[in-house]
Structures are given as structure tokens and as C-alpha cells.
Amino acid sequence: MGVLRTVSNFVFGMECLGCGNSSEKLDPWLCPSCAAELARESCSPKFPNEDVFCLFPMRPLTRRLVHALKYRNIPGLASYLVRHSSAVRQGMVAQELSMLAQPLYFVPVPLHRARYRERGYNQAELLAAALAVATGGKVCRLLKRKTFVVSQTKLSKEEREMNVAGAFVAKFPRKMPTRGSVVVVDDVFTTGATTSSCLAAFGADFPLPLKVCTLIYDEPATAVADFAADCRADWDGLRSRR
């Protein structure tokens, strides 16, 4: 299959990560139709609350792109998605970030070293770097992951909170900044369990404002529907093998 796909890409153009169709007009990962859809989605991001900013809502297209970023070894998608978010360039996220005390310190949610070795990069770190470039901020690695946790994808809100409780510890430099804002960066916000655990690691006496910025907001109701769809697919697969 790999050889056939390579030949197909050469003859018909590369495969769009959004729709899966071959196209000679990728930019470099999306066809014109999917690129236009991505631009539309970035114009109306949803925020879970006043302390959390998200660049895109979770939709079929953005779900495929974040999965490609995490699981298909395409780290360049991180900067691509930040650059192509109108929310960062001139929209709601840009406005919210500009009103925070400056400079901005973007702190990526850390990966456990075992998962880092498996993936080869931390997508949150790449997103933080792209946000720093877009806003003139800085990347600061102020968090360390203490424990390895199982994937949160299929967990309930309560299970997610238990899964990441105490998973992070803050590691402050000897000379801490006295002004500015800290923005914790992750790829997907669903229930907020991961980022809440990160914020808790800073402690109640942390002197700078703390905010969160994620690539995608996956509303909990959507996550539940996705889980139900996955269960149905698994059940259908089992029945077809009988």
C-alpha cells in the first residue's frame, strides 16, 4: 500500500489531510476547499471560560488535523495551524492576549519522557513556540510532568481529574519575572482537567496572571458523542467478524 500511495501522490498530487483527496494545490497540507473551511472555523472560536482561549472549535476537519499533528509525525502542522488562525492574527484570541500584562510567557503542557520518545516531539511545545512568534512572547518551560498517565480520550470528567491529579510540578528559575502573564498551552481543551492540574502546580501565591490557550476546544458533549460513535463502530466491527 505504501508504494501505491507514493505512486498515486506523484501522479495525482499529494493527499489532503482534511478530506483525503489528492490535489495538486495543497498549501502544503490542505486542498483549497479544506483551507477555506479551516479559515471559516477560526473566525468563530469558542472559549470554555474567561481564562481559556481556543483557536478552533472541534469539527471533523480540525479533529483530523490535530490527530495528524499528534499521531502522524507531522510536527509542522503546529505552526501551520497557528499561522492560519484568524483568531490569533486579528480575532478574539489576539484581542484577549493583547489585553494581558506583557510580556507573554507561553508554557507548554509537558509530555512524559516515555511518550516524548515515542512521538519524537511535544505538540504543545511546538504550539507554544508558534504562539510566541505570532505575539512576540516567549516560551518558558516552567512545568515538569511527574507521572505517566493513560490517554484521557475515553475518560469521563471525574476520571480525567483523577488521572492527572498531581501529575505536574512547577520548576521556577532562580530569578522569576516580576511582570507579564503566563499562558499554559495545550493541544485540546475538553473538560479542563489537564490544564487545571497544570495551573494548580503553580500554587496559590504565584505572582503573575495565569491563562490557558489551546489549539482546539472540544466541548464535553461533543466528546461524549464521539465516544458513543467509537463504541458503535467497535460493536459493528465485532458483529461483522462473527
C-alpha atoms as a PDB file:
ATOM      1  CA  MET A   1       0.000   0.000   0.000  1.00  0.00           C
ATOM      2  CA  GLY A   2       2.844   2.396   0.764  1.00  0.00           C
ATOM      3  CA  VAL A   3       4.302   2.064  -2.740  1.00  0.00           C
ATOM      4  CA  LEU A   4       0.872   2.508  -4.332  1.00  0.00           C
ATOM      5  CA  ARG A   5       0.213   5.636  -2.278  1.00  0.00           C
ATOM      6  CA  THR A   6       3.616   7.087  -3.208  1.00  0.00           C
ATOM      7  CA  VAL A   7       2.948   6.479  -6.917  1.00  0.00           C
ATOM      8  CA  SER A   8      -0.556   7.934  -6.582  1.00  0.00           C
ATOM      9  CA  ASN A   9       0.791  11.062  -4.867  1.00  0.00           C
ATOM     10  CA  PHE A  10       3.363  11.508  -7.604  1.00  0.00           C
ATOM     11  CA  VAL A  11       0.849  11.117 -10.439  1.00  0.00           C
ATOM     12  CA  PHE A  12      -2.254  12.742  -8.992  1.00  0.00           C
ATOM     13  CA  GLY A  13      -0.896  15.079  -6.342  1.00  0.00           C
ATOM     14  CA  MET A  14      -0.466  14.781  -2.586  1.00  0.00           C
ATOM     15  CA  GLU A  15      -3.282  13.750  -0.269  1.00  0.00           C
ATOM     16  CA  CYS A  16      -5.181  16.483   1.574  1.00  0.00           C
ATOM     17  CA  LEU A  17      -5.097  15.900   5.332  1.00  0.00           C
ATOM     18  CA  GLY A  18      -8.617  17.275   5.592  1.00  0.00           C
ATOM     19  CA  CYS A  19     -10.674  15.367   3.041  1.00  0.00           C
ATOM     20  CA  GLY A  20      -8.187  12.703   1.961  1.00  0.00           C
ATOM     21  CA  ASN A  21      -8.475  13.591  -1.714  1.00  0.00           C
ATOM     22  CA  SER A  22      -5.445  14.015  -3.953  1.00  0.00           C
ATOM     23  CA  SER A  23      -4.746  17.567  -5.015  1.00  0.00           C
ATOM     24  CA  GLU A  24      -2.009  19.420  -6.854  1.00  0.00           C
ATOM     25  CA  LYS A  25      -2.854  22.642  -4.986  1.00  0.00           C
ATOM     26  CA  LEU A  26      -2.049  21.831  -1.375  1.00  0.00           C
ATOM     27  CA  ASP A  27      -0.799  24.626   0.869  1.00  0.00           C
ATOM     28  CA  PRO A  28       1.041  22.309   1.797  1.00  0.00           C
ATOM     29  CA  TRP A  29      -1.379  20.022   3.654  1.00  0.00           C
ATOM     30  CA  LEU A  30      -4.877  21.189   2.731  1.00  0.00           C
ATOM     31  CA  CYS A  31      -6.692  21.487  -0.559  1.00  0.00           C
ATOM     32  CA  PRO A  32      -8.291  24.888  -1.332  1.00  0.00           C
ATOM     33  CA  SER A  33     -11.707  23.720  -0.110  1.00  0.00           C
ATOM     34  CA  CYS A  34     -10.445  22.461   3.256  1.00  0.00           C
ATOM     35  CA  ALA A  35      -8.183  25.512   3.677  1.00  0.00           C
ATOM     36  CA  ALA A  36     -11.219  27.760   3.189  1.00  0.00           C
ATOM     37  CA  GLU A  37     -13.181  25.691   5.718  1.00  0.00           C
ATOM     38  CA  LEU A  38     -10.347  25.990   8.242  1.00  0.00           C
ATOM     39  CA  ALA A  39     -10.327  29.769   7.792  1.00  0.00           C
ATOM     40  CA  ARG A  40     -14.081  29.919   8.425  1.00  0.00           C
ATOM     41  CA  GLU A  41     -13.805  27.813  11.576  1.00  0.00           C
ATOM     42  CA  SER A  42     -11.085  30.067  13.001  1.00  0.00           C
ATOM     43  CA  CYS A  43     -13.359  33.097  12.723  1.00  0.00           C
ATOM     44  CA  SER A  44     -15.711  31.831  15.439  1.00  0.00           C
ATOM     45  CA  PRO A  45     -13.729  30.073  18.176  1.00  0.00           C
ATOM     46  CA  LYS A  46     -15.499  29.153  21.405  1.00  0.00           C
ATOM     47  CA  PHE A  47     -13.970  29.777  24.817  1.00  0.00           C
ATOM     48  CA  PRO A  48     -14.835  27.499  27.776  1.00  0.00           C
ATOM     49  CA  ASN A  49     -14.470  30.426  30.196  1.00  0.00           C
ATOM     50  CA  GLU A  50     -12.797  33.826  30.527  1.00  0.00           C
ATOM     51  CA  ASP A  51      -9.406  32.337  31.414  1.00  0.00           C
ATOM     52  CA  VAL A  52      -9.176  29.924  28.470  1.00  0.00           C
ATOM     53  CA  PHE A  53      -8.632  30.903  24.830  1.00  0.00           C
ATOM     54  CA  CYS A  54      -9.014  28.404  21.975  1.00  0.00           C
ATOM     55  CA  LEU A  55      -8.071  28.892  18.321  1.00  0.00           C
ATOM     56  CA  PHE A  56     -10.558  26.496  16.711  1.00  0.00           C
ATOM     57  CA  PRO A  57     -13.708  24.596  17.668  1.00  0.00           C
ATOM     58  CA  MET A  58     -13.599  20.814  17.371  1.00  0.00           C
ATOM     59  CA  ARG A  59     -15.042  19.891  13.995  1.00  0.00           C
ATOM     60  CA  PRO A  60     -14.402  16.892  11.706  1.00  0.00           C
ATOM     61  CA  LEU A  61     -11.697  18.861   9.858  1.00  0.00           C
ATOM     62  CA  THR A  62      -9.909  20.182  12.941  1.00  0.00           C
ATOM     63  CA  ARG A  63     -10.160  16.755  14.598  1.00  0.00           C
ATOM     64  CA  ARG A  64      -8.361  15.157  11.649  1.00  0.00           C
ATOM     65  CA  LEU A  65      -5.684  17.851  11.733  1.00  0.00           C
ATOM     66  CA  VAL A  66      -4.947  17.585  15.454  1.00  0.00           C
ATOM     67  CA  HIS A  67      -4.797  13.797  15.117  1.00  0.00           C
ATOM     68  CA  ALA A  68      -2.325  14.208  12.254  1.00  0.00           C
ATOM     69  CA  LEU A  69      -0.245  16.556  14.404  1.00  0.00           C
ATOM     70  CA  LYS A  70      -0.161  14.090  17.294  1.00  0.00           C
ATOM     71  CA  TYR A  71      -0.084  10.698  15.633  1.00  0.00           C
ATOM     72  CA  ARG A  72       1.126  11.021  12.024  1.00  0.00           C
ATOM     73  CA  ASN A  73       4.502  12.621  12.718  1.00  0.00           C
ATOM     74  CA  ILE A  74       3.713  15.978  11.095  1.00  0.00           C
ATOM     75  CA  PRO A  75       5.129  18.490  13.605  1.00  0.00           C
ATOM     76  CA  GLY A  76       4.979  21.316  11.056  1.00  0.00           C
ATOM     77  CA  LEU A  77       1.203  21.351  11.423  1.00  0.00           C
ATOM     78  CA  ALA A  78       1.554  23.167  14.746  1.00  0.00           C
ATOM     79  CA  SER A  79       2.940  26.387  13.285  1.00  0.00           C
ATOM     80  CA  TYR A  80       0.716  25.996  10.203  1.00  0.00           C
ATOM     81  CA  LEU A  81      -2.454  25.941  12.304  1.00  0.00           C
ATOM     82  CA  VAL A  82      -1.395  28.892  14.449  1.00  0.00           C
ATOM     83  CA  ARG A  83      -0.436  30.924  11.358  1.00  0.00           C
ATOM     84  CA  HIS A  84      -3.756  30.099   9.683  1.00  0.00           C
ATOM     85  CA  SER A  85      -5.863  31.040  12.680  1.00  0.00           C
ATOM     86  CA  SER A  86      -7.504  34.398  12.152  1.00  0.00           C
ATOM     87  CA  ALA A  87      -8.266  34.291  15.887  1.00  0.00           C
ATOM     88  CA  VAL A  88      -4.531  34.725  16.539  1.00  0.00           C
ATOM     89  CA  ARG A  89      -3.826  37.189  13.746  1.00  0.00           C
ATOM     90  CA  GLN A  90      -6.629  39.648  14.348  1.00  0.00           C
ATOM     91  CA  GLY A  91      -9.565  37.964  16.051  1.00  0.00           C
ATOM     92  CA  MET A  92     -10.765  37.204  19.553  1.00  0.00           C
ATOM     93  CA  VAL A  93      -7.629  35.430  20.771  1.00  0.00           C
ATOM     94  CA  ALA A  94      -5.399  38.262  19.551  1.00  0.00           C
ATOM     95  CA  GLN A  95      -7.567  40.786  21.391  1.00  0.00           C
ATOM     96  CA  GLU A  96      -7.616  38.770  24.617  1.00  0.00           C
ATOM     97  CA  LEU A  97      -3.858  38.176  24.593  1.00  0.00           C
ATOM     98  CA  SER A  98      -3.116  41.832  23.840  1.00  0.00           C
ATOM     99  CA  MET A  99      -5.038  42.887  26.960  1.00  0.00           C
ATOM    100  CA  LEU A 100      -2.929  40.710  29.266  1.00  0.00           C
ATOM    101  CA  ALA A 101       0.051  42.098  31.132  1.00  0.00           C
ATOM    102  CA  GLN A 102       3.068  41.880  28.835  1.00  0.00           C
ATOM    103  CA  PRO A 103       5.310  40.097  28.027  1.00  0.00           C
ATOM    104  CA  LEU A 104       3.555  36.788  27.495  1.00  0.00           C
ATOM    105  CA  TYR A 105       5.253  33.613  28.706  1.00  0.00           C
ATOM    106  CA  PHE A 106       3.897  30.572  26.887  1.00  0.00           C
ATOM    107  CA  VAL A 107       4.297  27.427  28.987  1.00  0.00           C
ATOM    108  CA  PRO A 108       3.666  24.137  27.143  1.00  0.00           C
ATOM    109  CA  VAL A 109       1.997  21.235  28.924  1.00  0.00           C
ATOM    110  CA  PRO A 110       4.891  18.770  29.190  1.00  0.00           C
ATOM    111  CA  LEU A 111       4.872  15.223  27.841  1.00  0.00           C
ATOM    112  CA  HIS A 112       6.170  12.356  29.904  1.00  0.00           C
ATOM    113  CA  ARG A 113       9.599  11.361  28.590  1.00  0.00           C
ATOM    114  CA  ALA A 114       8.312   7.911  27.555  1.00  0.00           C
ATOM    115  CA  ARG A 115       5.647   9.463  25.344  1.00  0.00           C
ATOM    116  CA  TYR A 116       8.156  12.025  24.054  1.00  0.00           C
ATOM    117  CA  ARG A 117      10.473   9.219  22.951  1.00  0.00           C
ATOM    118  CA  GLU A 118       7.557   7.518  21.224  1.00  0.00           C
ATOM    119  CA  ARG A 119       6.359  10.639  19.384  1.00  0.00           C
ATOM    120  CA  GLY A 120       9.644  12.482  18.905  1.00  0.00           C
ATOM    121  CA  TYR A 121       8.234  15.892  19.832  1.00  0.00           C
ATOM    122  CA  ASN A 122       5.788  17.621  22.157  1.00  0.00           C
ATOM    123  CA  GLN A 123       2.970  19.181  20.130  1.00  0.00           C
ATOM    124  CA  ALA A 124       2.165  21.622  22.965  1.00  0.00           C
ATOM    125  CA  GLU A 125       5.743  22.877  22.859  1.00  0.00           C
ATOM    126  CA  LEU A 126       5.503  23.440  19.098  1.00  0.00           C
ATOM    127  CA  LEU A 127       2.218  25.303  19.527  1.00  0.00           C
ATOM    128  CA  ALA A 128       3.736  27.458  22.276  1.00  0.00           C
ATOM    129  CA  ALA A 129       6.662  28.341  20.009  1.00  0.00           C
ATOM    130  CA  ALA A 130       4.303  29.308  17.177  1.00  0.00           C
ATOM    131  CA  LEU A 131       2.190  31.451  19.517  1.00  0.00           C
ATOM    132  CA  ALA A 132       5.324  33.169  20.808  1.00  0.00           C
ATOM    133  CA  VAL A 133       6.360  34.033  17.256  1.00  0.00           C
ATOM    134  CA  ALA A 134       2.868  35.318  16.419  1.00  0.00           C
ATOM    135  CA  THR A 135       2.579  37.512  19.517  1.00  0.00           C
ATOM    136  CA  GLY A 136       6.148  38.480  20.340  1.00  0.00           C
ATOM    137  CA  GLY A 137       6.053  36.389  23.513  1.00  0.00           C
ATOM    138  CA  LYS A 138       8.499  33.866  24.931  1.00  0.00           C
ATOM    139  CA  VAL A 139       8.432  30.109  25.521  1.00  0.00           C
ATOM    140  CA  CYS A 140       9.173  29.111  29.123  1.00  0.00           C
ATOM    141  CA  ARG A 141       9.321  25.505  30.283  1.00  0.00           C
ATOM    142  CA  LEU A 142       8.088  26.043  33.824  1.00  0.00           C
ATOM    143  CA  LEU A 143       6.296  22.708  34.227  1.00  0.00           C
ATOM    144  CA  LYS A 144       7.524  19.148  34.590  1.00  0.00           C
ATOM    145  CA  ARG A 145       5.402  16.024  34.341  1.00  0.00           C
ATOM    146  CA  LYS A 146       5.933  13.780  37.361  1.00  0.00           C
ATOM    147  CA  THR A 147       3.844  10.773  36.390  1.00  0.00           C
ATOM    148  CA  PHE A 148       2.885   8.882  33.251  1.00  0.00           C
ATOM    149  CA  VAL A 149      -0.889   8.950  32.743  1.00  0.00           C
ATOM    150  CA  VAL A 150      -3.118   6.928  30.454  1.00  0.00           C
ATOM    151  CA  SER A 151      -4.766   8.590  27.469  1.00  0.00           C
ATOM    152  CA  GLN A 152      -7.692  10.788  28.514  1.00  0.00           C
ATOM    153  CA  THR A 153      -9.643  10.344  25.282  1.00  0.00           C
ATOM    154  CA  LYS A 154     -12.265   7.923  26.591  1.00  0.00           C
ATOM    155  CA  LEU A 155     -12.390   9.078  30.221  1.00  0.00           C
ATOM    156  CA  SER A 156     -15.218  10.932  31.961  1.00  0.00           C
ATOM    157  CA  LYS A 157     -14.674  14.342  33.558  1.00  0.00           C
ATOM    158  CA  GLU A 158     -14.204  12.791  37.002  1.00  0.00           C
ATOM    159  CA  GLU A 159     -11.842  10.124  35.652  1.00  0.00           C
ATOM    160  CA  ARG A 160      -9.797  12.774  33.838  1.00  0.00           C
ATOM    161  CA  GLU A 161      -9.418  14.817  37.016  1.00  0.00           C
ATOM    162  CA  MET A 162      -8.243  11.775  38.971  1.00  0.00           C
ATOM    163  CA  ASN A 163      -5.946  10.726  36.122  1.00  0.00           C
ATOM    164  CA  VAL A 164      -3.937  13.973  36.116  1.00  0.00           C
ATOM    165  CA  ALA A 165      -4.220  14.979  39.781  1.00  0.00           C
ATOM    166  CA  GLY A 166      -0.725  15.870  40.966  1.00  0.00           C
ATOM    167  CA  ALA A 167       0.778  14.910  37.605  1.00  0.00           C
ATOM    168  CA  PHE A 168       2.691  18.196  37.201  1.00  0.00           C
ATOM    169  CA  VAL A 169       5.179  20.156  39.252  1.00  0.00           C
ATOM    170  CA  ALA A 170       6.391  23.714  38.673  1.00  0.00           C
ATOM    171  CA  LYS A 171      10.110  24.343  38.216  1.00  0.00           C
ATOM    172  CA  PHE A 172      10.839  28.036  38.588  1.00  0.00           C
ATOM    173  CA  PRO A 173      14.080  29.740  37.564  1.00  0.00           C
ATOM    174  CA  ARG A 174      16.195  31.329  40.263  1.00  0.00           C
ATOM    175  CA  LYS A 175      15.182  34.753  39.005  1.00  0.00           C
ATOM    176  CA  MET A 176      11.461  34.827  38.277  1.00  0.00           C
ATOM    177  CA  PRO A 177       9.935  37.528  36.049  1.00  0.00           C
ATOM    178  CA  THR A 178       8.156  40.213  38.039  1.00  0.00           C
ATOM    179  CA  ARG A 179       5.812  41.326  35.283  1.00  0.00           C
ATOM    180  CA  GLY A 180       3.913  39.757  32.408  1.00  0.00           C
ATOM    181  CA  SER A 181       1.436  36.882  32.099  1.00  0.00           C
ATOM    182  CA  VAL A 182       1.833  33.107  31.941  1.00  0.00           C
ATOM    183  CA  VAL A 183      -0.206  31.267  29.307  1.00  0.00           C
ATOM    184  CA  VAL A 184      -0.304  27.472  29.610  1.00  0.00           C
ATOM    185  CA  VAL A 185      -0.517  25.888  26.143  1.00  0.00           C
ATOM    186  CA  ASP A 186      -2.050  22.540  25.169  1.00  0.00           C
ATOM    187  CA  ASP A 187      -3.499  20.995  22.025  1.00  0.00           C
ATOM    188  CA  VAL A 188      -7.090  20.204  23.074  1.00  0.00           C
ATOM    189  CA  PHE A 189      -9.310  21.519  25.876  1.00  0.00           C
ATOM    190  CA  THR A 190     -12.230  19.239  26.771  1.00  0.00           C
ATOM    191  CA  THR A 191     -13.050  19.263  30.492  1.00  0.00           C
ATOM    192  CA  GLY A 192     -10.006  21.297  31.524  1.00  0.00           C
ATOM    193  CA  ALA A 193      -8.629  18.569  33.799  1.00  0.00           C
ATOM    194  CA  THR A 194      -5.100  18.679  32.368  1.00  0.00           C
ATOM    195  CA  THR A 195      -4.706  22.447  32.313  1.00  0.00           C
ATOM    196  CA  SER A 196      -6.328  22.786  35.754  1.00  0.00           C
ATOM    197  CA  SER A 197      -3.726  20.379  37.128  1.00  0.00           C
ATOM    198  CA  CYS A 198      -1.020  22.480  35.465  1.00  0.00           C
ATOM    199  CA  LEU A 199      -2.357  25.717  36.948  1.00  0.00           C
ATOM    200  CA  ALA A 200      -2.563  24.117  40.393  1.00  0.00           C
ATOM    201  CA  ALA A 201       1.144  23.271  40.158  1.00  0.00           C
ATOM    202  CA  PHE A 202       1.986  26.994  40.150  1.00  0.00           C
ATOM    203  CA  GLY A 203       0.470  27.390  43.606  1.00  0.00           C
ATOM    204  CA  ALA A 204      -1.885  29.963  45.075  1.00  0.00           C
ATOM    205  CA  ASP A 205       0.901  32.505  45.663  1.00  0.00           C
ATOM    206  CA  PHE A 206       2.208  32.613  42.087  1.00  0.00           C
ATOM    207  CA  PRO A 207       2.622  36.345  41.368  1.00  0.00           C
ATOM    208  CA  LEU A 208       1.750  36.508  37.650  1.00  0.00           C
ATOM    209  CA  PRO A 209      -1.668  36.152  35.973  1.00  0.00           C
ATOM    210  CA  LEU A 210      -2.335  32.622  34.678  1.00  0.00           C
ATOM    211  CA  LYS A 211      -4.277  31.884  31.491  1.00  0.00           C
ATOM    212  CA  VAL A 212      -4.711  28.921  29.138  1.00  0.00           C
ATOM    213  CA  CYS A 213      -4.558  28.780  25.341  1.00  0.00           C
ATOM    214  CA  THR A 214      -5.301  25.614  23.380  1.00  0.00           C
ATOM    215  CA  LEU A 215      -5.461  24.793  19.710  1.00  0.00           C
ATOM    216  CA  ILE A 216      -8.954  23.296  19.892  1.00  0.00           C
ATOM    217  CA  TYR A 217     -11.945  23.398  22.224  1.00  0.00           C
ATOM    218  CA  ASP A 218     -13.706  20.047  22.250  1.00  0.00           C
ATOM    219  CA  GLU A 219     -16.951  20.657  24.097  1.00  0.00           C
ATOM    220  CA  PRO A 220     -17.672  17.835  26.573  1.00  0.00           C
ATOM    221  CA  ALA A 221     -20.974  16.991  24.872  1.00  0.00           C
ATOM    222  CA  THR A 222     -19.086  16.525  21.607  1.00  0.00           C
ATOM    223  CA  ALA A 223     -16.533  14.314  23.316  1.00  0.00           C
ATOM    224  CA  VAL A 224     -19.302  12.098  24.715  1.00  0.00           C
ATOM    225  CA  ALA A 225     -20.878  11.805  21.274  1.00  0.00           C
ATOM    226  CA  ASP A 226     -17.508  10.850  19.790  1.00  0.00           C
ATOM    227  CA  PHE A 227     -17.071   8.163  22.442  1.00  0.00           C
ATOM    228  CA  ALA A 228     -20.529   6.766  21.675  1.00  0.00           C
ATOM    229  CA  ALA A 229     -19.694   6.714  17.962  1.00  0.00           C
ATOM    230  CA  ASP A 230     -16.440   4.869  18.680  1.00  0.00           C
ATOM    231  CA  CYS A 231     -18.342   2.292  20.762  1.00  0.00           C
ATOM    232  CA  ARG A 232     -20.836   1.766  17.955  1.00  0.00           C
ATOM    233  CA  ALA A 233     -18.003   1.306  15.463  1.00  0.00           C
ATOM    234  CA  ASP A 234     -16.311  -1.223  17.750  1.00  0.00           C
ATOM    235  CA  TRP A 235     -19.581  -3.118  18.187  1.00  0.00           C
ATOM    236  CA  ASP A 236     -20.242  -3.138  14.445  1.00  0.00           C
ATOM    237  CA  GLY A 237     -16.724  -4.451  13.882  1.00  0.00           C
ATOM    238  CA  LEU A 238     -17.257  -7.280  16.364  1.00  0.00           C
ATOM    239  CA  ARG A 239     -20.568  -8.255  14.772  1.00  0.00           C
ATOM    240  CA  SER A 240     -19.059  -8.292  11.283  1.00  0.00           C
ATOM    241  CA  ARG A 241     -16.369 -10.742  12.408  1.00  0.00           C
ATOM    242  CA  ARG A 242     -18.901 -13.225  13.799  1.00  0.00           C
END
